[in-house]
Amino acid sequence: MTHKKRKDVKDRLSRIEGHIAGIQRMIDEDRECSELLTQIAAVRAALDTVGKILLEDHLESCMVEAVKSGNYEEFLEDLKKALSRFL
């Protein structure tokens, strides 16, 4: 299955990785807790965005393929499990 948004996801994850490194530096620099919490909230929001992009891509590619192949019931069960973990 080809995922159309793979590059976007990888790019966003790379930025998140850099953001995490920045938080680690902030800890080494004894920055204020409120600043750290703000940056952690930004990382969480960024990860949520990546999850939404993956979900959208999954629905646009995998769901369409599952419906075409008649394998949508198994797909829906997998999707429900994934959503319960994500949400």
PDB file of N, CA and C in Angstrom:
ATOM      1  N   MET A   1       0.838  -1.175   0.000  1.00  0.00           N
ATOM      2  CA  MET A   1       0.000   0.000   0.000  1.00  0.00           C
ATOM      3  C   MET A   1       0.886   1.241   0.000  1.00  0.00           C
ATOM      4  N   THR A   2       0.634   2.152  -0.896  1.00  0.00           N
ATOM      5  CA  THR A   2       1.373   3.400  -0.953  1.00  0.00           C
ATOM      6  C   THR A   2       0.626   4.458  -0.148  1.00  0.00           C
ATOM      7  N   HIS A   3       1.322   5.040   0.784  1.00  0.00           N
ATOM      8  CA  HIS A   3       0.730   6.097   1.598  1.00  0.00           C
ATOM      9  C   HIS A   3       1.184   7.437   1.043  1.00  0.00           C
ATOM     10  N   LYS A   4       0.228   8.246   0.649  1.00  0.00           N
ATOM     11  CA  LYS A   4       0.507   9.497  -0.040  1.00  0.00           C
ATOM     12  C   LYS A   4       1.191  10.530   0.863  1.00  0.00           C
ATOM     13  N   LYS A   5       0.965  10.444   2.132  1.00  0.00           N
ATOM     14  CA  LYS A   5       1.451  11.483   3.043  1.00  0.00           C
ATOM     15  C   LYS A   5       2.685  11.057   3.836  1.00  0.00           C
ATOM     16  N   ARG A   6       3.353  10.027   3.377  1.00  0.00           N
ATOM     17  CA  ARG A   6       4.525   9.501   4.076  1.00  0.00           C
ATOM     18  C   ARG A   6       5.599  10.566   4.284  1.00  0.00           C
ATOM     19  N   LYS A   7       5.885  11.352   3.250  1.00  0.00           N
ATOM     20  CA  LYS A   7       6.931  12.379   3.369  1.00  0.00           C
ATOM     21  C   LYS A   7       6.532  13.435   4.389  1.00  0.00           C
ATOM     22  N   ASP A   8       5.290  13.857   4.367  1.00  0.00           N
ATOM     23  CA  ASP A   8       4.811  14.852   5.338  1.00  0.00           C
ATOM     24  C   ASP A   8       4.957  14.319   6.760  1.00  0.00           C
ATOM     25  N   VAL A   9       4.591  13.079   6.969  1.00  0.00           N
ATOM     26  CA  VAL A   9       4.704  12.471   8.302  1.00  0.00           C
ATOM     27  C   VAL A   9       6.166  12.411   8.733  1.00  0.00           C
ATOM     28  N   LYS A  10       7.033  11.961   7.843  1.00  0.00           N
ATOM     29  CA  LYS A  10       8.457  11.873   8.190  1.00  0.00           C
ATOM     30  C   LYS A  10       9.045  13.242   8.496  1.00  0.00           C
ATOM     31  N   ASP A  11       8.675  14.245   7.702  1.00  0.00           N
ATOM     32  CA  ASP A  11       9.168  15.600   7.938  1.00  0.00           C
ATOM     33  C   ASP A  11       8.703  16.126   9.294  1.00  0.00           C
ATOM     34  N   ARG A  12       7.446  15.909   9.606  1.00  0.00           N
ATOM     35  CA  ARG A  12       6.912  16.365  10.889  1.00  0.00           C
ATOM     36  C   ARG A  12       7.574  15.640  12.057  1.00  0.00           C
ATOM     37  N   LEU A  13       7.812  14.346  11.915  1.00  0.00           N
ATOM     38  CA  LEU A  13       8.478  13.595  12.972  1.00  0.00           C
ATOM     39  C   LEU A  13       9.912  14.068  13.178  1.00  0.00           C
ATOM     40  N   SER A  14      10.571  14.442  12.101  1.00  0.00           N
ATOM     41  CA  SER A  14      11.927  14.990  12.231  1.00  0.00           C
ATOM     42  C   SER A  14      11.908  16.305  13.002  1.00  0.00           C
ATOM     43  N   ARG A  15      10.917  17.144  12.718  1.00  0.00           N
ATOM     44  CA  ARG A  15      10.803  18.402  13.464  1.00  0.00           C
ATOM     45  C   ARG A  15      10.504  18.132  14.938  1.00  0.00           C
ATOM     46  N   ILE A  16       9.651  17.151  15.197  1.00  0.00           N
ATOM     47  CA  ILE A  16       9.331  16.794  16.584  1.00  0.00           C
ATOM     48  C   ILE A  16      10.584  16.297  17.291  1.00  0.00           C
ATOM     49  N   GLU A  17      11.366  15.502  16.602  1.00  0.00           N
ATOM     50  CA  GLU A  17      12.621  15.008  17.162  1.00  0.00           C
ATOM     51  C   GLU A  17      13.528  16.186  17.555  1.00  0.00           C
ATOM     52  N   GLY A  18      13.613  17.178  16.701  1.00  0.00           N
ATOM     53  CA  GLY A  18      14.403  18.367  17.011  1.00  0.00           C
ATOM     54  C   GLY A  18      13.834  19.132  18.186  1.00  0.00           C
ATOM     55  N   HIS A  19      12.521  19.166  18.249  1.00  0.00           N
ATOM     56  CA  HIS A  19      11.859  19.847  19.356  1.00  0.00           C
ATOM     57  C   HIS A  19      12.164  19.141  20.686  1.00  0.00           C
ATOM     58  N   ILE A  20      12.159  17.822  20.674  1.00  0.00           N
ATOM     59  CA  ILE A  20      12.485  17.034  21.875  1.00  0.00           C
ATOM     60  C   ILE A  20      13.920  17.330  22.311  1.00  0.00           C
ATOM     61  N   ALA A  21      14.828  17.382  21.354  1.00  0.00           N
ATOM     62  CA  ALA A  21      16.227  17.709  21.677  1.00  0.00           C
ATOM     63  C   ALA A  21      16.304  19.101  22.305  1.00  0.00           C
ATOM     64  N   GLY A  22      15.489  20.020  21.814  1.00  0.00           N
ATOM     65  CA  GLY A  22      15.456  21.362  22.388  1.00  0.00           C
ATOM     66  C   GLY A  22      14.969  21.349  23.827  1.00  0.00           C
ATOM     67  N   ILE A  23      13.993  20.514  24.112  1.00  0.00           N
ATOM     68  CA  ILE A  23      13.494  20.393  25.482  1.00  0.00           C
ATOM     69  C   ILE A  23      14.583  19.832  26.384  1.00  0.00           C
ATOM     70  N   GLN A  24      15.318  18.851  25.886  1.00  0.00           N
ATOM     71  CA  GLN A  24      16.423  18.294  26.675  1.00  0.00           C
ATOM     72  C   GLN A  24      17.467  19.360  26.977  1.00  0.00           C
ATOM     73  N   ARG A  25      17.772  20.208  26.001  1.00  0.00           N
ATOM     74  CA  ARG A  25      18.715  21.305  26.243  1.00  0.00           C
ATOM     75  C   ARG A  25      18.164  22.275  27.281  1.00  0.00           C
ATOM     76  N   MET A  26      16.870  22.548  27.201  1.00  0.00           N
ATOM     77  CA  MET A  26      16.243  23.444  28.163  1.00  0.00           C
ATOM     78  C   MET A  26      16.379  22.897  29.585  1.00  0.00           C
ATOM     79  N   ILE A  27      16.253  21.592  29.726  1.00  0.00           N
ATOM     80  CA  ILE A  27      16.414  20.966  31.042  1.00  0.00           C
ATOM     81  C   ILE A  27      17.848  21.140  31.519  1.00  0.00           C
ATOM     82  N   ASP A  28      18.805  20.902  30.624  1.00  0.00           N
ATOM     83  CA  ASP A  28      20.215  21.089  30.981  1.00  0.00           C
ATOM     84  C   ASP A  28      20.513  22.531  31.378  1.00  0.00           C
ATOM     85  N   GLU A  29      19.780  23.468  30.803  1.00  0.00           N
ATOM     86  CA  GLU A  29      19.980  24.887  31.086  1.00  0.00           C
ATOM     87  C   GLU A  29      19.173  25.368  32.289  1.00  0.00           C
ATOM     88  N   ASP A  30      18.476  24.448  32.957  1.00  0.00           N
ATOM     89  CA  ASP A  30      17.635  24.783  34.117  1.00  0.00           C
ATOM     90  C   ASP A  30      16.585  25.834  33.791  1.00  0.00           C
ATOM     91  N   ARG A  31      15.945  25.700  32.655  1.00  0.00           N
ATOM     92  CA  ARG A  31      14.895  26.638  32.270  1.00  0.00           C
ATOM     93  C   ARG A  31      13.682  26.454  33.166  1.00  0.00           C
ATOM     94  N   GLU A  32      12.831  27.433  33.189  1.00  0.00           N
ATOM     95  CA  GLU A  32      11.633  27.420  34.029  1.00  0.00           C
ATOM     96  C   GLU A  32      10.715  26.251  33.670  1.00  0.00           C
ATOM     97  N   CYS A  33      10.093  25.699  34.685  1.00  0.00           N
ATOM     98  CA  CYS A  33       9.171  24.573  34.481  1.00  0.00           C
ATOM     99  C   CYS A  33       8.033  24.953  33.537  1.00  0.00           C
ATOM    100  N   SER A  34       7.535  26.175  33.674  1.00  0.00           N
ATOM    101  CA  SER A  34       6.432  26.595  32.811  1.00  0.00           C
ATOM    102  C   SER A  34       6.854  26.609  31.343  1.00  0.00           C
ATOM    103  N   GLU A  35       8.098  26.975  31.066  1.00  0.00           N
ATOM    104  CA  GLU A  35       8.601  26.951  29.688  1.00  0.00           C
ATOM    105  C   GLU A  35       8.668  25.521  29.172  1.00  0.00           C
ATOM    106  N   LEU A  36       9.154  24.624  30.026  1.00  0.00           N
ATOM    107  CA  LEU A  36       9.248  23.211  29.631  1.00  0.00           C
ATOM    108  C   LEU A  36       7.865  22.631  29.356  1.00  0.00           C
ATOM    109  N   LEU A  37       6.919  22.930  30.230  1.00  0.00           N
ATOM    110  CA  LEU A  37       5.566  22.409  30.041  1.00  0.00           C
ATOM    111  C   LEU A  37       4.940  22.946  28.755  1.00  0.00           C
ATOM    112  N   THR A  38       5.218  24.189  28.434  1.00  0.00           N
ATOM    113  CA  THR A  38       4.721  24.774  27.184  1.00  0.00           C
ATOM    114  C   THR A  38       5.294  24.024  25.990  1.00  0.00           C
ATOM    115  N   GLN A  39       6.580  23.723  26.033  1.00  0.00           N
ATOM    116  CA  GLN A  39       7.213  23.007  24.924  1.00  0.00           C
ATOM    117  C   GLN A  39       6.710  21.564  24.829  1.00  0.00           C
ATOM    118  N   ILE A  40       6.478  20.939  25.968  1.00  0.00           N
ATOM    119  CA  ILE A  40       5.931  19.577  25.967  1.00  0.00           C
ATOM    120  C   ILE A  40       4.529  19.585  25.358  1.00  0.00           C
ATOM    121  N   ALA A  41       3.739  20.596  25.685  1.00  0.00           N
ATOM    122  CA  ALA A  41       2.396  20.714  25.105  1.00  0.00           C
ATOM    123  C   ALA A  41       2.486  20.874  23.585  1.00  0.00           C
ATOM    124  N   ALA A  42       3.486  21.621  23.123  1.00  0.00           N
ATOM    125  CA  ALA A  42       3.668  21.798  21.680  1.00  0.00           C
ATOM    126  C   ALA A  42       4.014  20.475  21.004  1.00  0.00           C
ATOM    127  N   VAL A  43       4.838  19.670  21.655  1.00  0.00           N
ATOM    128  CA  VAL A  43       5.197  18.359  21.094  1.00  0.00           C
ATOM    129  C   VAL A  43       3.973  17.452  21.051  1.00  0.00           C
ATOM    130  N   ARG A  44       3.184  17.472  22.114  1.00  0.00           N
ATOM    131  CA  ARG A  44       1.956  16.662  22.117  1.00  0.00           C
ATOM    132  C   ARG A  44       1.038  17.060  20.974  1.00  0.00           C
ATOM    133  N   ALA A  45       0.860  18.356  20.788  1.00  0.00           N
ATOM    134  CA  ALA A  45       0.000  18.837  19.703  1.00  0.00           C
ATOM    135  C   ALA A  45       0.553  18.403  18.350  1.00  0.00           C
ATOM    136  N   ALA A  46       1.865  18.479  18.194  1.00  0.00           N
ATOM    137  CA  ALA A  46       2.493  18.057  16.941  1.00  0.00           C
ATOM    138  C   ALA A  46       2.288  16.564  16.700  1.00  0.00           C
ATOM    139  N   LEU A  47       2.413  15.762  17.745  1.00  0.00           N
ATOM    140  CA  LEU A  47       2.175  14.319  17.604  1.00  0.00           C
ATOM    141  C   LEU A  47       0.716  14.024  17.267  1.00  0.00           C
ATOM    142  N   ASP A  48      -0.205  14.769  17.875  1.00  0.00           N
ATOM    143  CA  ASP A  48      -1.618  14.598  17.536  1.00  0.00           C
ATOM    144  C   ASP A  48      -1.865  14.908  16.060  1.00  0.00           C
ATOM    145  N   THR A  49      -1.202  15.940  15.563  1.00  0.00           N
ATOM    146  CA  THR A  49      -1.340  16.291  14.153  1.00  0.00           C
ATOM    147  C   THR A  49      -0.820  15.173  13.264  1.00  0.00           C
ATOM    148  N   VAL A  50       0.314  14.586  13.630  1.00  0.00           N
ATOM    149  CA  VAL A  50       0.849  13.454  12.868  1.00  0.00           C
ATOM    150  C   VAL A  50      -0.148  12.295  12.879  1.00  0.00           C
ATOM    151  N   GLY A  51      -0.733  12.032  14.029  1.00  0.00           N
ATOM    152  CA  GLY A  51      -1.733  10.968  14.122  1.00  0.00           C
ATOM    153  C   GLY A  51      -2.919  11.228  13.218  1.00  0.00           C
ATOM    154  N   LYS A  52      -3.381  12.467  13.167  1.00  0.00           N
ATOM    155  CA  LYS A  52      -4.512  12.814  12.305  1.00  0.00           C
ATOM    156  C   LYS A  52      -4.156  12.650  10.833  1.00  0.00           C
ATOM    157  N   ILE A  53      -2.942  13.046  10.481  1.00  0.00           N
ATOM    158  CA  ILE A  53      -2.496  12.883   9.091  1.00  0.00           C
ATOM    159  C   ILE A  53      -2.444  11.400   8.737  1.00  0.00           C
ATOM    160  N   LEU A  54      -1.899  10.584   9.640  1.00  0.00           N
ATOM    161  CA  LEU A  54      -1.840   9.141   9.396  1.00  0.00           C
ATOM    162  C   LEU A  54      -3.234   8.544   9.266  1.00  0.00           C
ATOM    163  N   LEU A  55      -4.142   8.975  10.119  1.00  0.00           N
ATOM    164  CA  LEU A  55      -5.510   8.464  10.050  1.00  0.00           C
ATOM    165  C   LEU A  55      -6.164   8.834   8.724  1.00  0.00           C
ATOM    166  N   GLU A  56      -5.991  10.080   8.321  1.00  0.00           N
ATOM    167  CA  GLU A  56      -6.542  10.526   7.043  1.00  0.00           C
ATOM    168  C   GLU A  56      -5.960   9.714   5.890  1.00  0.00           C
ATOM    169  N   ASP A  57      -4.661   9.523   5.909  1.00  0.00           N
ATOM    170  CA  ASP A  57      -3.994   8.756   4.856  1.00  0.00           C
ATOM    171  C   ASP A  57      -4.483   7.308   4.866  1.00  0.00           C
ATOM    172  N   HIS A  58      -4.641   6.768   6.051  1.00  0.00           N
ATOM    173  CA  HIS A  58      -5.108   5.393   6.198  1.00  0.00           C
ATOM    174  C   HIS A  58      -6.508   5.237   5.594  1.00  0.00           C
ATOM    175  N   LEU A  59      -7.364   6.182   5.898  1.00  0.00           N
ATOM    176  CA  LEU A  59      -8.718   6.108   5.359  1.00  0.00           C
ATOM    177  C   LEU A  59      -8.733   6.276   3.845  1.00  0.00           C
ATOM    178  N   GLU A  60      -7.912   7.189   3.351  1.00  0.00           N
ATOM    179  CA  GLU A  60      -7.903   7.458   1.910  1.00  0.00           C
ATOM    180  C   GLU A  60      -7.266   6.341   1.097  1.00  0.00           C
ATOM    181  N   SER A  61      -6.345   5.614   1.690  1.00  0.00           N
ATOM    182  CA  SER A  61      -5.680   4.561   0.917  1.00  0.00           C
ATOM    183  C   SER A  61      -6.137   3.173   1.357  1.00  0.00           C
ATOM    184  N   CYS A  62      -5.920   2.827   2.600  1.00  0.00           N
ATOM    185  CA  CYS A  62      -6.211   1.475   3.073  1.00  0.00           C
ATOM    186  C   CYS A  62      -7.714   1.174   3.082  1.00  0.00           C
ATOM    187  N   MET A  63      -8.509   2.130   3.520  1.00  0.00           N
ATOM    188  CA  MET A  63      -9.954   1.906   3.570  1.00  0.00           C
ATOM    189  C   MET A  63     -10.515   1.715   2.164  1.00  0.00           C
ATOM    190  N   VAL A  64     -10.094   2.550   1.259  1.00  0.00           N
ATOM    191  CA  VAL A  64     -10.561   2.427  -0.121  1.00  0.00           C
ATOM    192  C   VAL A  64     -10.183   1.060  -0.682  1.00  0.00           C
ATOM    193  N   GLU A  65      -8.947   0.650  -0.429  1.00  0.00           N
ATOM    194  CA  GLU A  65      -8.489  -0.658  -0.916  1.00  0.00           C
ATOM    195  C   GLU A  65      -9.276  -1.795  -0.257  1.00  0.00           C
ATOM    196  N   ALA A  66      -9.554  -1.669   1.039  1.00  0.00           N
ATOM    197  CA  ALA A  66     -10.306  -2.711   1.741  1.00  0.00           C
ATOM    198  C   ALA A  66     -11.720  -2.832   1.188  1.00  0.00           C
ATOM    199  N   VAL A  67     -12.353  -1.726   0.886  1.00  0.00           N
ATOM    200  CA  VAL A  67     -13.700  -1.751   0.321  1.00  0.00           C
ATOM    201  C   VAL A  67     -13.666  -2.385  -1.071  1.00  0.00           C
ATOM    202  N   LYS A  68     -12.688  -1.995  -1.870  1.00  0.00           N
ATOM    203  CA  LYS A  68     -12.570  -2.556  -3.216  1.00  0.00           C
ATOM    204  C   LYS A  68     -12.359  -4.062  -3.188  1.00  0.00           C
ATOM    205  N   SER A  69     -11.579  -4.529  -2.213  1.00  0.00           N
ATOM    206  CA  SER A  69     -11.275  -5.962  -2.144  1.00  0.00           C
ATOM    207  C   SER A  69     -12.334  -6.748  -1.378  1.00  0.00           C
ATOM    208  N   GLY A  70     -13.304  -6.048  -0.781  1.00  0.00           N
ATOM    209  CA  GLY A  70     -14.341  -6.731  -0.009  1.00  0.00           C
ATOM    210  C   GLY A  70     -13.881  -7.132   1.371  1.00  0.00           C
ATOM    211  N   ASN A  71     -12.754  -6.614   1.824  1.00  0.00           N
ATOM    212  CA  ASN A  71     -12.168  -6.987   3.107  1.00  0.00           C
ATOM    213  C   ASN A  71     -12.386  -5.886   4.156  1.00  0.00           C
ATOM    214  N   TYR A  72     -13.470  -5.154   4.030  1.00  0.00           N
ATOM    215  CA  TYR A  72     -13.681  -3.985   4.876  1.00  0.00           C
ATOM    216  C   TYR A  72     -14.017  -4.316   6.329  1.00  0.00           C
ATOM    217  N   GLU A  73     -14.630  -5.479   6.595  1.00  0.00           N
ATOM    218  CA  GLU A  73     -14.996  -5.818   7.977  1.00  0.00           C
ATOM    219  C   GLU A  73     -13.751  -5.980   8.844  1.00  0.00           C
ATOM    220  N   GLU A  74     -12.759  -6.691   8.334  1.00  0.00           N
ATOM    221  CA  GLU A  74     -11.500  -6.862   9.060  1.00  0.00           C
ATOM    222  C   GLU A  74     -10.810  -5.497   9.227  1.00  0.00           C
ATOM    223  N   PHE A  75     -10.846  -4.697   8.166  1.00  0.00           N
ATOM    224  CA  PHE A  75     -10.253  -3.368   8.223  1.00  0.00           C
ATOM    225  C   PHE A  75     -10.925  -2.533   9.311  1.00  0.00           C
ATOM    226  N   LEU A  76     -12.246  -2.552   9.369  1.00  0.00           N
ATOM    227  CA  LEU A  76     -12.958  -1.764  10.374  1.00  0.00           C
ATOM    228  C   LEU A  76     -12.594  -2.191  11.789  1.00  0.00           C
ATOM    229  N   GLU A  77     -12.442  -3.478  12.028  1.00  0.00           N
ATOM    230  CA  GLU A  77     -12.043  -3.952  13.356  1.00  0.00           C
ATOM    231  C   GLU A  77     -10.658  -3.435  13.723  1.00  0.00           C
ATOM    232  N   ASP A  78      -9.725  -3.519  12.788  1.00  0.00           N
ATOM    233  CA  ASP A  78      -8.375  -3.001  13.024  1.00  0.00           C
ATOM    234  C   ASP A  78      -8.403  -1.495  13.269  1.00  0.00           C
ATOM    235  N   LEU A  79      -9.220  -0.789  12.499  1.00  0.00           N
ATOM    236  CA  LEU A  79      -9.330   0.655  12.650  1.00  0.00           C
ATOM    237  C   LEU A  79      -9.901   1.017  14.019  1.00  0.00           C
ATOM    238  N   LYS A  80     -10.910   0.305  14.463  1.00  0.00           N
ATOM    239  CA  LYS A  80     -11.501   0.558  15.785  1.00  0.00           C
ATOM    240  C   LYS A  80     -10.471   0.370  16.892  1.00  0.00           C
ATOM    241  N   LYS A  81      -9.678  -0.679  16.795  1.00  0.00           N
ATOM    242  CA  LYS A  81      -8.639  -0.929  17.799  1.00  0.00           C
ATOM    243  C   LYS A  81      -7.608   0.202  17.801  1.00  0.00           C
ATOM    244  N   ALA A  82      -7.179   0.600  16.615  1.00  0.00           N
ATOM    245  CA  ALA A  82      -6.200   1.667  16.494  1.00  0.00           C
ATOM    246  C   ALA A  82      -6.750   2.984  17.050  1.00  0.00           C
ATOM    247  N   LEU A  83      -8.002   3.281  16.732  1.00  0.00           N
ATOM    248  CA  LEU A  83      -8.609   4.526  17.224  1.00  0.00           C
ATOM    249  C   LEU A  83      -8.751   4.518  18.730  1.00  0.00           C
ATOM    250  N   SER A  84      -9.084   3.377  19.305  1.00  0.00           N
ATOM    251  CA  SER A  84      -9.219   3.329  20.766  1.00  0.00           C
ATOM    252  C   SER A  84      -7.883   3.571  21.461  1.00  0.00           C
ATOM    253  N   ARG A  85      -6.792   3.170  20.847  1.00  0.00           N
ATOM    254  CA  ARG A  85      -5.465   3.447  21.409  1.00  0.00           C
ATOM    255  C   ARG A  85      -5.073   4.897  21.181  1.00  0.00           C
ATOM    256  N   PHE A  86      -5.420   5.439  20.032  1.00  0.00           N
ATOM    257  CA  PHE A  86      -5.027   6.801  19.667  1.00  0.00           C
ATOM    258  C   PHE A  86      -5.800   7.844  20.457  1.00  0.00           C
ATOM    259  N   LEU A  87      -7.078   7.596  20.631  1.00  0.00           N
ATOM    260  CA  LEU A  87      -7.927   8.594  21.305  1.00  0.00           C
ATOM    261  C   LEU A  87      -7.912   8.353  22.761  1.00  0.00           C
TER     262      LEU A  87
END
